[in-house]
Amino acid sequence: MSEIGSIIIYQLDFLIPGMAPSFASSLKHILQSSKSRIYPLFRPQRKHLRTVLEENLGFFFERATTDVFAILFFERYS
């Protein structure tokens, strides 16, 4: 087999060769991996998403309130 033939086989064995063949993603491994689209991961409910948003807004409100009180304190005592 010529050098060109071995390169073609190499390209069929590895999907993404990368820097070195030892770091390549094996096409066989990718095809045999579990089907993640058939069994989707848990998705958060809408209530959960809303709760996280409220927590973030509460954090920013608390921080803004602290800044306002700090400004008023320094204006009064400076």
C-alpha atoms as a PDB file:
ATOM      1  CA  MET A   1       0.000   0.000   0.000  1.00  0.00           C
ATOM      2  CA  SER A   2       1.274   3.459  -0.826  1.00  0.00           C
ATOM      3  CA  GLU A   3       1.581   6.400   1.531  1.00  0.00           C
ATOM      4  CA  ILE A   4      -1.538   7.987   0.044  1.00  0.00           C
ATOM      5  CA  GLY A   5      -3.587   4.875   0.798  1.00  0.00           C
ATOM      6  CA  SER A   6      -2.493   4.888   4.442  1.00  0.00           C
ATOM      7  CA  ILE A   7      -3.484   8.564   4.793  1.00  0.00           C
ATOM      8  CA  ILE A   8      -6.968   7.817   3.477  1.00  0.00           C
ATOM      9  CA  ILE A   9      -7.370   4.966   5.986  1.00  0.00           C
ATOM     10  CA  TYR A  10      -6.119   7.270   8.733  1.00  0.00           C
ATOM     11  CA  GLN A  11      -8.760   9.849   7.812  1.00  0.00           C
ATOM     12  CA  LEU A  12     -11.500   7.203   7.949  1.00  0.00           C
ATOM     13  CA  ASP A  13     -10.376   5.920  11.361  1.00  0.00           C
ATOM     14  CA  PHE A  14     -10.335   9.305  13.062  1.00  0.00           C
ATOM     15  CA  LEU A  15     -12.979  11.977  12.812  1.00  0.00           C
ATOM     16  CA  ILE A  16     -10.901  14.835  14.252  1.00  0.00           C
ATOM     17  CA  PRO A  17      -7.152  14.083  14.116  1.00  0.00           C
ATOM     18  CA  GLY A  18      -6.051  17.205  16.005  1.00  0.00           C
ATOM     19  CA  MET A  19      -2.390  17.666  16.882  1.00  0.00           C
ATOM     20  CA  ALA A  20      -1.536  13.979  17.225  1.00  0.00           C
ATOM     21  CA  PRO A  21      -3.350  10.710  16.529  1.00  0.00           C
ATOM     22  CA  SER A  22      -3.202   9.830  20.244  1.00  0.00           C
ATOM     23  CA  PHE A  23      -5.505  12.798  21.008  1.00  0.00           C
ATOM     24  CA  ALA A  24      -7.925  12.058  18.156  1.00  0.00           C
ATOM     25  CA  SER A  25     -11.598  11.279  18.667  1.00  0.00           C
ATOM     26  CA  SER A  26     -12.210   7.782  17.433  1.00  0.00           C
ATOM     27  CA  LEU A  27     -15.074   7.503  14.955  1.00  0.00           C
ATOM     28  CA  LYS A  28     -15.933   4.066  16.363  1.00  0.00           C
ATOM     29  CA  HIS A  29     -16.242   5.520  19.879  1.00  0.00           C
ATOM     30  CA  ILE A  30     -18.476   8.359  18.665  1.00  0.00           C
ATOM     31  CA  LEU A  31     -20.808   5.967  16.853  1.00  0.00           C
ATOM     32  CA  GLN A  32     -21.063   3.629  19.863  1.00  0.00           C
ATOM     33  CA  SER A  33     -21.715   6.369  22.436  1.00  0.00           C
ATOM     34  CA  SER A  34     -25.148   6.566  24.012  1.00  0.00           C
ATOM     35  CA  LYS A  35     -27.860   8.373  22.137  1.00  0.00           C
ATOM     36  CA  SER A  36     -28.279  11.538  24.179  1.00  0.00           C
ATOM     37  CA  ARG A  37     -31.085  12.868  21.982  1.00  0.00           C
ATOM     38  CA  ILE A  38     -33.216   9.774  22.615  1.00  0.00           C
ATOM     39  CA  TYR A  39     -32.888  10.226  26.394  1.00  0.00           C
ATOM     40  CA  PRO A  40     -32.805  14.003  26.989  1.00  0.00           C
ATOM     41  CA  LEU A  41     -31.396  15.440  30.179  1.00  0.00           C
ATOM     42  CA  PHE A  42     -33.621  16.927  32.856  1.00  0.00           C
ATOM     43  CA  ARG A  43     -34.842  20.376  31.896  1.00  0.00           C
ATOM     44  CA  PRO A  44     -35.725  22.891  34.620  1.00  0.00           C
ATOM     45  CA  GLN A  45     -39.350  23.885  35.009  1.00  0.00           C
ATOM     46  CA  ARG A  46     -40.494  27.434  34.293  1.00  0.00           C
ATOM     47  CA  LYS A  47     -40.959  28.124  38.008  1.00  0.00           C
ATOM     48  CA  HIS A  48     -37.345  27.156  38.620  1.00  0.00           C
ATOM     49  CA  LEU A  49     -36.134  29.551  35.907  1.00  0.00           C
ATOM     50  CA  ARG A  50     -38.234  32.391  37.346  1.00  0.00           C
ATOM     51  CA  THR A  51     -36.915  31.734  40.867  1.00  0.00           C
ATOM     52  CA  VAL A  52     -33.306  31.940  39.726  1.00  0.00           C
ATOM     53  CA  LEU A  53     -34.035  35.228  37.956  1.00  0.00           C
ATOM     54  CA  GLU A  54     -35.665  36.677  41.077  1.00  0.00           C
ATOM     55  CA  GLU A  55     -32.689  35.660  43.181  1.00  0.00           C
ATOM     56  CA  ASN A  56     -30.298  37.439  40.822  1.00  0.00           C
ATOM     57  CA  LEU A  57     -32.393  40.608  40.763  1.00  0.00           C
ATOM     58  CA  GLY A  58     -32.622  40.525  44.557  1.00  0.00           C
ATOM     59  CA  PHE A  59     -28.847  40.369  44.770  1.00  0.00           C
ATOM     60  CA  PHE A  60     -28.433  43.422  42.543  1.00  0.00           C
ATOM     61  CA  PHE A  61     -31.133  45.332  44.448  1.00  0.00           C
ATOM     62  CA  GLU A  62     -29.394  44.609  47.751  1.00  0.00           C
ATOM     63  CA  ARG A  63     -26.085  45.756  46.345  1.00  0.00           C
ATOM     64  CA  ALA A  64     -27.568  48.971  44.966  1.00  0.00           C
ATOM     65  CA  THR A  65     -29.211  49.684  48.326  1.00  0.00           C
ATOM     66  CA  THR A  66     -25.889  49.202  50.112  1.00  0.00           C
ATOM     67  CA  ASP A  67     -24.213  51.613  47.687  1.00  0.00           C
ATOM     68  CA  VAL A  68     -26.885  54.267  48.250  1.00  0.00           C
ATOM     69  CA  PHE A  69     -26.536  54.032  52.030  1.00  0.00           C
ATOM     70  CA  ALA A  70     -22.754  54.214  51.748  1.00  0.00           C
ATOM     71  CA  ILE A  71     -22.978  57.364  49.622  1.00  0.00           C
ATOM     72  CA  LEU A  72     -25.422  59.001  52.044  1.00  0.00           C
ATOM     73  CA  PHE A  73     -23.253  58.035  55.028  1.00  0.00           C
ATOM     74  CA  PHE A  74     -20.091  59.509  53.509  1.00  0.00           C
ATOM     75  CA  GLU A  75     -21.886  62.714  52.431  1.00  0.00           C
ATOM     76  CA  ARG A  76     -23.195  63.251  55.943  1.00  0.00           C
ATOM     77  CA  TYR A  77     -19.904  62.598  57.781  1.00  0.00           C
ATOM     78  CA  SER A  78     -17.385  64.069  55.371  1.00  0.00           C
END
